[in-house]
Full PDB file with SEQRES, HELIX, SHEET, SSBOND, CRYST1, ORIGX, SCALE, CONECT and MASTER records, all heavy atoms in Angstrom:
SEQRES   1 A   36  GLN LEU LEU SER ALA GLN SER TYR ASN PRO TYR LEU PRO          
SEQRES   2 A   36  ALA MET SER VAL PHE GLY PHE PRO SER LEU ALA GLY LEU          
SEQRES   3 A   36  PRO GLY ASP LEU GLY SER PRO ALA SER TRP                      
HELIX    1 AA1 ALA A    5  SER A    7  5                                   3    
HELIX    2 AA2 PRO A   13  GLY A   19  5                                   7    
HELIX    3 AA3 PHE A   20  LEU A   23  1                                   4    
HELIX    4 AA4 GLY A   28  GLY A   31  1                                   4    
CRYST1    1.000    1.000    1.000  90.00  90.00  90.00 P 1           1          
ORIGX1      1.000000  0.000000  0.000000        0.00000                         
ORIGX2      0.000000  1.000000  0.000000        0.00000                         
ORIGX3      0.000000  0.000000  1.000000        0.00000                         
SCALE1      1.000000  0.000000  0.000000        0.00000                         
SCALE2      0.000000  1.000000  0.000000        0.00000                         
SCALE3      0.000000  0.000000  1.000000        0.00000                         
ATOM      1  N   GLN A   1      11.883 220.134  77.058  1.00  0.00           N  
ATOM      2  CA  GLN A   1      11.579 220.647  78.397  1.00  0.00           C  
ATOM      3  C   GLN A   1      12.703 220.417  79.403  1.00  0.00           C  
ATOM      4  O   GLN A   1      12.543 220.700  80.589  1.00  0.00           O  
ATOM      5  CB  GLN A   1      10.290 219.991  78.909  1.00  0.00           C  
ATOM      6  CG  GLN A   1       9.066 220.305  78.054  1.00  0.00           C  
ATOM      7  CD  GLN A   1       7.800 219.681  78.615  1.00  0.00           C  
ATOM      8  OE1 GLN A   1       7.667 219.454  79.816  1.00  0.00           O  
ATOM      9  NE2 GLN A   1       6.850 219.398  77.726  1.00  0.00           N  
ATOM     10  N   LEU A   2      13.830 219.928  78.938  1.00  0.00           N  
ATOM     11  CA  LEU A   2      14.983 219.725  79.819  1.00  0.00           C  
ATOM     12  C   LEU A   2      15.758 221.034  79.910  1.00  0.00           C  
ATOM     13  O   LEU A   2      16.747 221.250  79.225  1.00  0.00           O  
ATOM     14  CB  LEU A   2      15.860 218.594  79.274  1.00  0.00           C  
ATOM     15  CG  LEU A   2      15.167 217.228  79.176  1.00  0.00           C  
ATOM     16  CD1 LEU A   2      16.069 216.212  78.493  1.00  0.00           C  
ATOM     17  CD2 LEU A   2      14.751 216.732  80.561  1.00  0.00           C  
ATOM     18  N   LEU A   3      15.291 221.916  80.784  1.00  0.00           N  
ATOM     19  CA  LEU A   3      15.796 223.284  80.844  1.00  0.00           C  
ATOM     20  C   LEU A   3      16.823 223.515  81.944  1.00  0.00           C  
ATOM     21  O   LEU A   3      17.404 224.600  82.030  1.00  0.00           O  
ATOM     22  CB  LEU A   3      14.616 224.245  81.035  1.00  0.00           C  
ATOM     23  CG  LEU A   3      13.501 224.146  79.978  1.00  0.00           C  
ATOM     24  CD1 LEU A   3      12.371 225.117  80.302  1.00  0.00           C  
ATOM     25  CD2 LEU A   3      14.053 224.393  78.586  1.00  0.00           C  
ATOM     26  N   SER A   4      17.042 222.528  82.815  1.00  0.00           N  
ATOM     27  CA  SER A   4      18.027 222.659  83.886  1.00  0.00           C  
ATOM     28  C   SER A   4      18.432 221.261  84.326  1.00  0.00           C  
ATOM     29  O   SER A   4      17.814 220.260  83.940  1.00  0.00           O  
ATOM     30  CB  SER A   4      17.449 223.445  85.072  1.00  0.00           C  
ATOM     31  OG  SER A   4      16.426 222.700  85.701  1.00  0.00           O  
ATOM     32  N   ALA A   5      19.457 221.200  85.159  1.00  0.00           N  
ATOM     33  CA  ALA A   5      19.912 219.896  85.643  1.00  0.00           C  
ATOM     34  C   ALA A   5      18.824 219.200  86.452  1.00  0.00           C  
ATOM     35  O   ALA A   5      18.741 217.968  86.472  1.00  0.00           O  
ATOM     36  CB  ALA A   5      21.169 220.075  86.490  1.00  0.00           C  
ATOM     37  N   GLN A   6      17.957 219.989  87.109  1.00  0.00           N  
ATOM     38  CA  GLN A   6      16.882 219.401  87.904  1.00  0.00           C  
ATOM     39  C   GLN A   6      15.776 218.792  87.045  1.00  0.00           C  
ATOM     40  O   GLN A   6      14.917 218.087  87.559  1.00  0.00           O  
ATOM     41  CB  GLN A   6      16.281 220.455  88.837  1.00  0.00           C  
ATOM     42  CG  GLN A   6      17.166 220.862  90.000  1.00  0.00           C  
ATOM     43  CD  GLN A   6      18.336 221.733  89.568  1.00  0.00           C  
ATOM     44  OE1 GLN A   6      18.225 222.492  88.605  1.00  0.00           O  
ATOM     45  NE2 GLN A   6      19.446 221.615  90.269  1.00  0.00           N  
ATOM     46  N   SER A   7      15.787 219.062  85.741  1.00  0.00           N  
ATOM     47  CA  SER A   7      14.746 218.531  84.858  1.00  0.00           C  
ATOM     48  C   SER A   7      15.013 217.088  84.454  1.00  0.00           C  
ATOM     49  O   SER A   7      14.101 216.396  83.983  1.00  0.00           O  
ATOM     50  CB  SER A   7      14.633 219.387  83.592  1.00  0.00           C  
ATOM     51  OG  SER A   7      14.394 220.744  83.901  1.00  0.00           O  
ATOM     52  N   TYR A   8      16.238 216.618  84.622  1.00  0.00           N  
ATOM     53  CA  TYR A   8      16.598 215.294  84.122  1.00  0.00           C  
ATOM     54  C   TYR A   8      16.235 214.205  85.133  1.00  0.00           C  
ATOM     55  O   TYR A   8      16.151 214.432  86.332  1.00  0.00           O  
ATOM     56  CB  TYR A   8      18.109 215.233  83.847  1.00  0.00           C  
ATOM     57  CG  TYR A   8      18.539 216.065  82.666  1.00  0.00           C  
ATOM     58  CD1 TYR A   8      18.835 217.417  82.816  1.00  0.00           C  
ATOM     59  CD2 TYR A   8      18.650 215.503  81.407  1.00  0.00           C  
ATOM     60  CE1 TYR A   8      19.239 218.187  81.735  1.00  0.00           C  
ATOM     61  CE2 TYR A   8      19.050 216.265  80.315  1.00  0.00           C  
ATOM     62  CZ  TYR A   8      19.342 217.610  80.488  1.00  0.00           C  
ATOM     63  OH  TYR A   8      19.732 218.379  79.421  1.00  0.00           O  
ATOM     64  N   ASN A   9      16.022 213.015  84.593  1.00  0.00           N  
ATOM     65  CA  ASN A   9      15.781 211.817  85.395  1.00  0.00           C  
ATOM     66  C   ASN A   9      16.760 210.740  84.936  1.00  0.00           C  
ATOM     67  O   ASN A   9      16.520 210.070  83.933  1.00  0.00           O  
ATOM     68  CB  ASN A   9      14.337 211.333  85.225  1.00  0.00           C  
ATOM     69  CG  ASN A   9      14.090 209.993  85.914  1.00  0.00           C  
ATOM     70  OD1 ASN A   9      14.890 209.554  86.735  1.00  0.00           O  
ATOM     71  ND2 ASN A   9      12.991 209.343  85.563  1.00  0.00           N  
ATOM     72  N   PRO A  10      17.889 210.563  85.642  1.00  0.00           N  
ATOM     73  CA  PRO A  10      18.906 209.620  85.185  1.00  0.00           C  
ATOM     74  C   PRO A  10      18.624 208.163  85.537  1.00  0.00           C  
ATOM     75  O   PRO A  10      19.497 207.305  85.342  1.00  0.00           O  
ATOM     76  CB  PRO A  10      20.167 210.113  85.901  1.00  0.00           C  
ATOM     77  CG  PRO A  10      19.640 210.688  87.173  1.00  0.00           C  
ATOM     78  CD  PRO A  10      18.308 211.291  86.846  1.00  0.00           C  
ATOM     79  N   TYR A  11      17.414 207.871  86.051  1.00  0.00           N  
ATOM     80  CA  TYR A  11      17.098 206.515  86.477  1.00  0.00           C  
ATOM     81  C   TYR A  11      16.273 205.809  85.410  1.00  0.00           C  
ATOM     82  O   TYR A  11      15.508 206.438  84.671  1.00  0.00           O  
ATOM     83  CB  TYR A  11      16.343 206.527  87.809  1.00  0.00           C  
ATOM     84  CG  TYR A  11      17.016 207.413  88.828  1.00  0.00           C  
ATOM     85  CD1 TYR A  11      16.329 208.475  89.415  1.00  0.00           C  
ATOM     86  CD2 TYR A  11      18.337 207.199  89.182  1.00  0.00           C  
ATOM     87  CE1 TYR A  11      16.958 209.296  90.333  1.00  0.00           C  
ATOM     88  CE2 TYR A  11      18.967 208.026  90.096  1.00  0.00           C  
ATOM     89  CZ  TYR A  11      18.273 209.067  90.670  1.00  0.00           C  
ATOM     90  OH  TYR A  11      18.908 209.890  91.561  1.00  0.00           O  
ATOM     91  N   LEU A  12      16.394 204.508  85.366  1.00  0.00           N  
ATOM     92  CA  LEU A  12      15.602 203.721  84.430  1.00  0.00           C  
ATOM     93  C   LEU A  12      14.156 203.625  84.933  1.00  0.00           C  
ATOM     94  O   LEU A  12      13.877 203.878  86.106  1.00  0.00           O  
ATOM     95  CB  LEU A  12      16.240 202.347  84.249  1.00  0.00           C  
ATOM     96  CG  LEU A  12      17.569 202.400  83.472  1.00  0.00           C  
ATOM     97  CD1 LEU A  12      18.306 201.070  83.544  1.00  0.00           C  
ATOM     98  CD2 LEU A  12      17.344 202.802  82.019  1.00  0.00           C  
ATOM     99  N   PRO A  13      13.223 203.269  84.046  1.00  0.00           N  
ATOM    100  CA  PRO A  13      11.790 203.439  84.364  1.00  0.00           C  
ATOM    101  C   PRO A  13      11.302 202.771  85.636  1.00  0.00           C  
ATOM    102  O   PRO A  13      10.450 203.328  86.346  1.00  0.00           O  
ATOM    103  CB  PRO A  13      11.105 202.866  83.123  1.00  0.00           C  
ATOM    104  CG  PRO A  13      12.061 203.125  82.012  1.00  0.00           C  
ATOM    105  CD  PRO A  13      13.414 202.905  82.629  1.00  0.00           C  
ATOM    106  N   ALA A  14      11.793 201.571  85.977  1.00  0.00           N  
ATOM    107  CA  ALA A  14      11.234 200.856  87.128  1.00  0.00           C  
ATOM    108  C   ALA A  14      11.478 201.577  88.447  1.00  0.00           C  
ATOM    109  O   ALA A  14      10.775 201.316  89.427  1.00  0.00           O  
ATOM    110  CB  ALA A  14      11.806 199.437  87.189  1.00  0.00           C  
ATOM    111  N   MET A  15      12.432 202.486  88.497  1.00  0.00           N  
ATOM    112  CA  MET A  15      12.663 203.248  89.726  1.00  0.00           C  
ATOM    113  C   MET A  15      11.441 204.087  90.092  1.00  0.00           C  
ATOM    114  O   MET A  15      11.238 204.436  91.268  1.00  0.00           O  
ATOM    115  CB  MET A  15      13.893 204.151  89.559  1.00  0.00           C  
ATOM    116  CG  MET A  15      14.330 204.872  90.820  1.00  0.00           C  
ATOM    117  SD  MET A  15      14.909 203.775  92.138  1.00  0.00           S  
ATOM    118  CE  MET A  15      16.501 203.271  91.443  1.00  0.00           C  
ATOM    119  N   SER A  16      10.584 204.369  89.114  1.00  0.00           N  
ATOM    120  CA  SER A  16       9.402 205.197  89.362  1.00  0.00           C  
ATOM    121  C   SER A  16       8.433 204.553  90.336  1.00  0.00           C  
ATOM    122  O   SER A  16       7.586 205.243  90.918  1.00  0.00           O  
ATOM    123  CB  SER A  16       8.668 205.470  88.040  1.00  0.00           C  
ATOM    124  OG  SER A  16       9.547 206.002  87.074  1.00  0.00           O  
ATOM    125  N   VAL A  17       8.540 203.235  90.545  1.00  0.00           N  
ATOM    126  CA  VAL A  17       7.602 202.555  91.428  1.00  0.00           C  
ATOM    127  C   VAL A  17       7.638 203.141  92.833  1.00  0.00           C  
ATOM    128  O   VAL A  17       6.618 203.155  93.538  1.00  0.00           O  
ATOM    129  CB  VAL A  17       7.901 201.036  91.452  1.00  0.00           C  
ATOM    130  CG1 VAL A  17       9.213 200.744  92.172  1.00  0.00           C  
ATOM    131  CG2 VAL A  17       6.764 200.272  92.101  1.00  0.00           C  
ATOM    132  N   PHE A  18       8.784 203.659  93.257  1.00  0.00           N  
ATOM    133  CA  PHE A  18       8.878 204.213  94.609  1.00  0.00           C  
ATOM    134  C   PHE A  18       8.158 205.550  94.733  1.00  0.00           C  
ATOM    135  O   PHE A  18       7.983 206.048  95.850  1.00  0.00           O  
ATOM    136  CB  PHE A  18      10.343 204.373  95.000  1.00  0.00           C  
ATOM    137  CG  PHE A  18      11.063 203.068  95.168  1.00  0.00           C  
ATOM    138  CD1 PHE A  18      12.039 202.677  94.256  1.00  0.00           C  
ATOM    139  CD2 PHE A  18      10.754 202.220  96.209  1.00  0.00           C  
ATOM    140  CE1 PHE A  18      12.707 201.476  94.402  1.00  0.00           C  
ATOM    141  CE2 PHE A  18      11.414 201.003  96.357  1.00  0.00           C  
ATOM    142  CZ  PHE A  18      12.388 200.639  95.447  1.00  0.00           C  
ATOM    143  N   GLY A  19       7.726 206.133  93.631  1.00  0.00           N  
ATOM    144  CA  GLY A  19       6.957 207.359  93.687  1.00  0.00           C  
ATOM    145  C   GLY A  19       5.463 207.136  93.727  1.00  0.00           C  
ATOM    146  O   GLY A  19       4.699 208.092  93.947  1.00  0.00           O  
ATOM    147  N   PHE A  20       5.015 205.895  93.549  1.00  0.00           N  
ATOM    148  CA  PHE A  20       3.577 205.624  93.511  1.00  0.00           C  
ATOM    149  C   PHE A  20       2.872 205.859  94.843  1.00  0.00           C  
ATOM    150  O   PHE A  20       1.734 206.344  94.854  1.00  0.00           O  
ATOM    151  CB  PHE A  20       3.332 204.190  93.042  1.00  0.00           C  
ATOM    152  CG  PHE A  20       3.561 203.996  91.569  1.00  0.00           C  
ATOM    153  CD1 PHE A  20       3.500 202.733  91.002  1.00  0.00           C  
ATOM    154  CD2 PHE A  20       3.833 205.070  90.732  1.00  0.00           C  
ATOM    155  CE1 PHE A  20       3.710 202.550  89.652  1.00  0.00           C  
ATOM    156  CE2 PHE A  20       4.040 204.900  89.377  1.00  0.00           C  
ATOM    157  CZ  PHE A  20       3.979 203.629  88.832  1.00  0.00           C  
ATOM    158  N   PRO A  21       3.450 205.505  96.003  1.00  0.00           N  
ATOM    159  CA  PRO A  21       2.740 205.761  97.263  1.00  0.00           C  
ATOM    160  C   PRO A  21       2.398 207.242  97.462  1.00  0.00           C  
ATOM    161  O   PRO A  21       1.286 207.574  97.895  1.00  0.00           O  
ATOM    162  CB  PRO A  21       3.713 205.267  98.334  1.00  0.00           C  
ATOM    163  CG  PRO A  21       4.515 204.221  97.635  1.00  0.00           C  
ATOM    164  CD  PRO A  21       4.683 204.728  96.240  1.00  0.00           C  
ATOM    165  N   SER A  22       3.320 208.125  97.129  1.00  0.00           N  
ATOM    166  CA  SER A  22       3.021 209.555  97.243  1.00  0.00           C  
ATOM    167  C   SER A  22       1.945 209.959  96.256  1.00  0.00           C  
ATOM    168  O   SER A  22       1.040 210.743  96.584  1.00  0.00           O  
ATOM    169  CB  SER A  22       4.299 210.367  96.991  1.00  0.00           C  
ATOM    170  OG  SER A  22       4.024 211.746  96.991  1.00  0.00           O  
ATOM    171  N   LEU A  23       2.030 209.410  95.049  1.00  0.00           N  
ATOM    172  CA  LEU A  23       1.025 209.713  94.035  1.00  0.00           C  
ATOM    173  C   LEU A  23      -0.350 209.216  94.447  1.00  0.00           C  
ATOM    174  O   LEU A  23      -1.378 209.818  94.103  1.00  0.00           O  
ATOM    175  CB  LEU A  23       1.447 209.087  92.706  1.00  0.00           C  
ATOM    176  CG  LEU A  23       0.635 209.453  91.464  1.00  0.00           C  
ATOM    177  CD1 LEU A  23       0.712 210.947  91.191  1.00  0.00           C  
ATOM    178  CD2 LEU A  23       1.140 208.670  90.259  1.00  0.00           C  
ATOM    179  N   ALA A  24      -0.378 208.113  95.206  1.00  0.00           N  
ATOM    180  CA  ALA A  24      -1.651 207.561  95.670  1.00  0.00           C  
ATOM    181  C   ALA A  24      -2.257 208.361  96.810  1.00  0.00           C  
ATOM    182  O   ALA A  24      -3.381 208.076  97.234  1.00  0.00           O  
ATOM    183  CB  ALA A  24      -1.460 206.114  96.102  1.00  0.00           C  
ATOM    184  N   GLY A  25      -1.515 209.345  97.328  1.00  0.00           N  
ATOM    185  CA  GLY A  25      -2.068 210.217  98.355  1.00  0.00           C  
ATOM    186  C   GLY A  25      -1.615 209.925  99.762  1.00  0.00           C  
ATOM    187  O   GLY A  25      -2.120 210.560 100.704  1.00  0.00           O  
ATOM    188  N   LEU A  26      -0.682 208.991  99.948  1.00  0.00           N  
ATOM    189  CA  LEU A  26      -0.190 208.738 101.299  1.00  0.00           C  
ATOM    190  C   LEU A  26       0.565 209.964 101.794  1.00  0.00           C  
ATOM    191  O   LEU A  26       1.427 210.494 101.097  1.00  0.00           O  
ATOM    192  CB  LEU A  26       0.724 207.520 101.310  1.00  0.00           C  
ATOM    193  CG  LEU A  26       0.057 206.169 101.029  1.00  0.00           C  
ATOM    194  CD1 LEU A  26       1.079 205.050 101.095  1.00  0.00           C  
ATOM    195  CD2 LEU A  26      -1.076 205.910 102.011  1.00  0.00           C  
ATOM    196  N   PRO A  27       0.275 210.427 102.993  1.00  0.00           N  
ATOM    197  CA  PRO A  27       0.863 211.699 103.464  1.00  0.00           C  
ATOM    198  C   PRO A  27       2.241 211.526 104.050  1.00  0.00           C  
ATOM    199  O   PRO A  27       2.607 210.464 104.561  1.00  0.00           O  
ATOM    200  CB  PRO A  27      -0.133 212.144 104.537  1.00  0.00           C  
ATOM    201  CG  PRO A  27      -0.664 210.849 105.092  1.00  0.00           C  
ATOM    202  CD  PRO A  27      -0.705 209.883 103.950  1.00  0.00           C  
ATOM    203  N   GLY A  28       3.021 212.596 104.010  1.00  0.00           N  
ATOM    204  CA  GLY A  28       4.285 212.678 104.728  1.00  0.00           C  
ATOM    205  C   GLY A  28       5.230 211.531 104.462  1.00  0.00           C  
ATOM    206  O   GLY A  28       5.425 211.092 103.331  1.00  0.00           O  
ATOM    207  N   ASP A  29       5.792 211.005 105.555  1.00  0.00           N  
ATOM    208  CA  ASP A  29       6.761 209.916 105.441  1.00  0.00           C  
ATOM    209  C   ASP A  29       6.150 208.660 104.842  1.00  0.00           C  
ATOM    210  O   ASP A  29       6.852 207.871 104.199  1.00  0.00           O  
ATOM    211  CB  ASP A  29       7.336 209.584 106.824  1.00  0.00           C  
ATOM    212  CG  ASP A  29       8.207 210.700 107.363  1.00  0.00           C  
ATOM    213  OD1 ASP A  29       8.524 211.624 106.591  1.00  0.00           O  
ATOM    214  OD2 ASP A  29       8.555 210.651 108.560  1.00  0.00           O  
ATOM    215  N   LEU A  30       4.855 208.444 105.040  1.00  0.00           N  
ATOM    216  CA  LEU A  30       4.224 207.232 104.504  1.00  0.00           C  
ATOM    217  C   LEU A  30       4.268 207.197 102.986  1.00  0.00           C  
ATOM    218  O   LEU A  30       4.304 206.126 102.385  1.00  0.00           O  
ATOM    219  CB  LEU A  30       2.774 207.133 104.994  1.00  0.00           C  
ATOM    220  CG  LEU A  30       2.568 206.837 106.473  1.00  0.00           C  
ATOM    221  CD1 LEU A  30       1.080 206.847 106.816  1.00  0.00           C  
ATOM    222  CD2 LEU A  30       3.192 205.496 106.840  1.00  0.00           C  
ATOM    223  N   GLY A  31       4.248 208.353 102.368  1.00  0.00           N  
ATOM    224  CA  GLY A  31       4.258 208.387 100.912  1.00  0.00           C  
ATOM    225  C   GLY A  31       5.596 208.743 100.310  1.00  0.00           C  
ATOM    226  O   GLY A  31       5.757 208.687  99.085  1.00  0.00           O  
ATOM    227  N   SER A  32       6.567 209.087 101.130  1.00  0.00           N  
ATOM    228  CA  SER A  32       7.856 209.535 100.620  1.00  0.00           C  
ATOM    229  C   SER A  32       8.586 208.414  99.893  1.00  0.00           C  
ATOM    230  O   SER A  32       8.693 207.293 100.411  1.00  0.00           O  
ATOM    231  CB  SER A  32       8.730 210.047 101.766  1.00  0.00           C  
ATOM    232  OG  SER A  32      10.049 210.288 101.328  1.00  0.00           O  
ATOM    233  N   PRO A  33       9.115 208.675  98.695  1.00  0.00           N  
ATOM    234  CA  PRO A  33       9.936 207.655  98.021  1.00  0.00           C  
ATOM    235  C   PRO A  33      11.111 207.213  98.881  1.00  0.00           C  
ATOM    236  O   PRO A  33      11.502 206.040  98.850  1.00  0.00           O  
ATOM    237  CB  PRO A  33      10.406 208.369  96.754  1.00  0.00           C  
ATOM    238  CG  PRO A  33       9.383 209.421  96.496  1.00  0.00           C  
ATOM    239  CD  PRO A  33       8.924 209.868  97.855  1.00  0.00           C  
ATOM    240  N   ALA A  34      11.671 208.135  99.665  1.00  0.00           N  
ATOM    241  CA  ALA A  34      12.803 207.773 100.516  1.00  0.00           C  
ATOM    242  C   ALA A  34      12.417 206.701 101.530  1.00  0.00           C  
ATOM    243  O   ALA A  34      13.177 205.759 101.786  1.00  0.00           O  
ATOM    244  CB  ALA A  34      13.330 209.013 101.227  1.00  0.00           C  
ATOM    245  N   SER A  35      11.225 206.831 102.117  1.00  0.00           N  
ATOM    246  CA  SER A  35      10.776 205.848 103.100  1.00  0.00           C  
ATOM    247  C   SER A  35      10.606 204.475 102.470  1.00  0.00           C  
ATOM    248  O   SER A  35      11.011 203.455 103.037  1.00  0.00           O  
ATOM    249  CB  SER A  35       9.457 206.294 103.733  1.00  0.00           C  
ATOM    250  OG  SER A  35       9.596 207.527 104.404  1.00  0.00           O  
ATOM    251  N   TRP A  36      10.034 204.425 101.274  1.00  0.00           N  
ATOM    252  CA  TRP A  36       9.804 203.142 100.617  1.00  0.00           C  
ATOM    253  C   TRP A  36      11.102 202.530 100.114  1.00  0.00           C  
ATOM    254  O   TRP A  36      11.282 201.307 100.179  1.00  0.00           O  
ATOM    255  CB  TRP A  36       8.802 203.323  99.477  1.00  0.00           C  
ATOM    256  CG  TRP A  36       7.417 203.495 100.006  1.00  0.00           C  
ATOM    257  CD1 TRP A  36       6.778 204.666 100.295  1.00  0.00           C  
ATOM    258  CD2 TRP A  36       6.512 202.457 100.372  1.00  0.00           C  
ATOM    259  NE1 TRP A  36       5.528 204.419 100.815  1.00  0.00           N  
ATOM    260  CE2 TRP A  36       5.337 203.075 100.863  1.00  0.00           C  
ATOM    261  CE3 TRP A  36       6.571 201.066 100.337  1.00  0.00           C  
ATOM    262  CZ2 TRP A  36       4.239 202.340 101.305  1.00  0.00           C  
ATOM    263  CZ3 TRP A  36       5.482 200.331 100.776  1.00  0.00           C  
ATOM    264  CH2 TRP A  36       4.337 200.967 101.252  1.00  0.00           C  
TER     265      TRP A  36                                                      
MASTER        0    0    0    4    0    0    0    6  264    1    0    3          
END                                                                             
């Protein structure tokens, strides 16, 4: 399923923790990985 450069994830698994707030439903900036 790696069909384009945007399909890749060059980070190791623990970086995914910053995506959990958005996944939990926090809206906007509160859930953005960038904010965390």
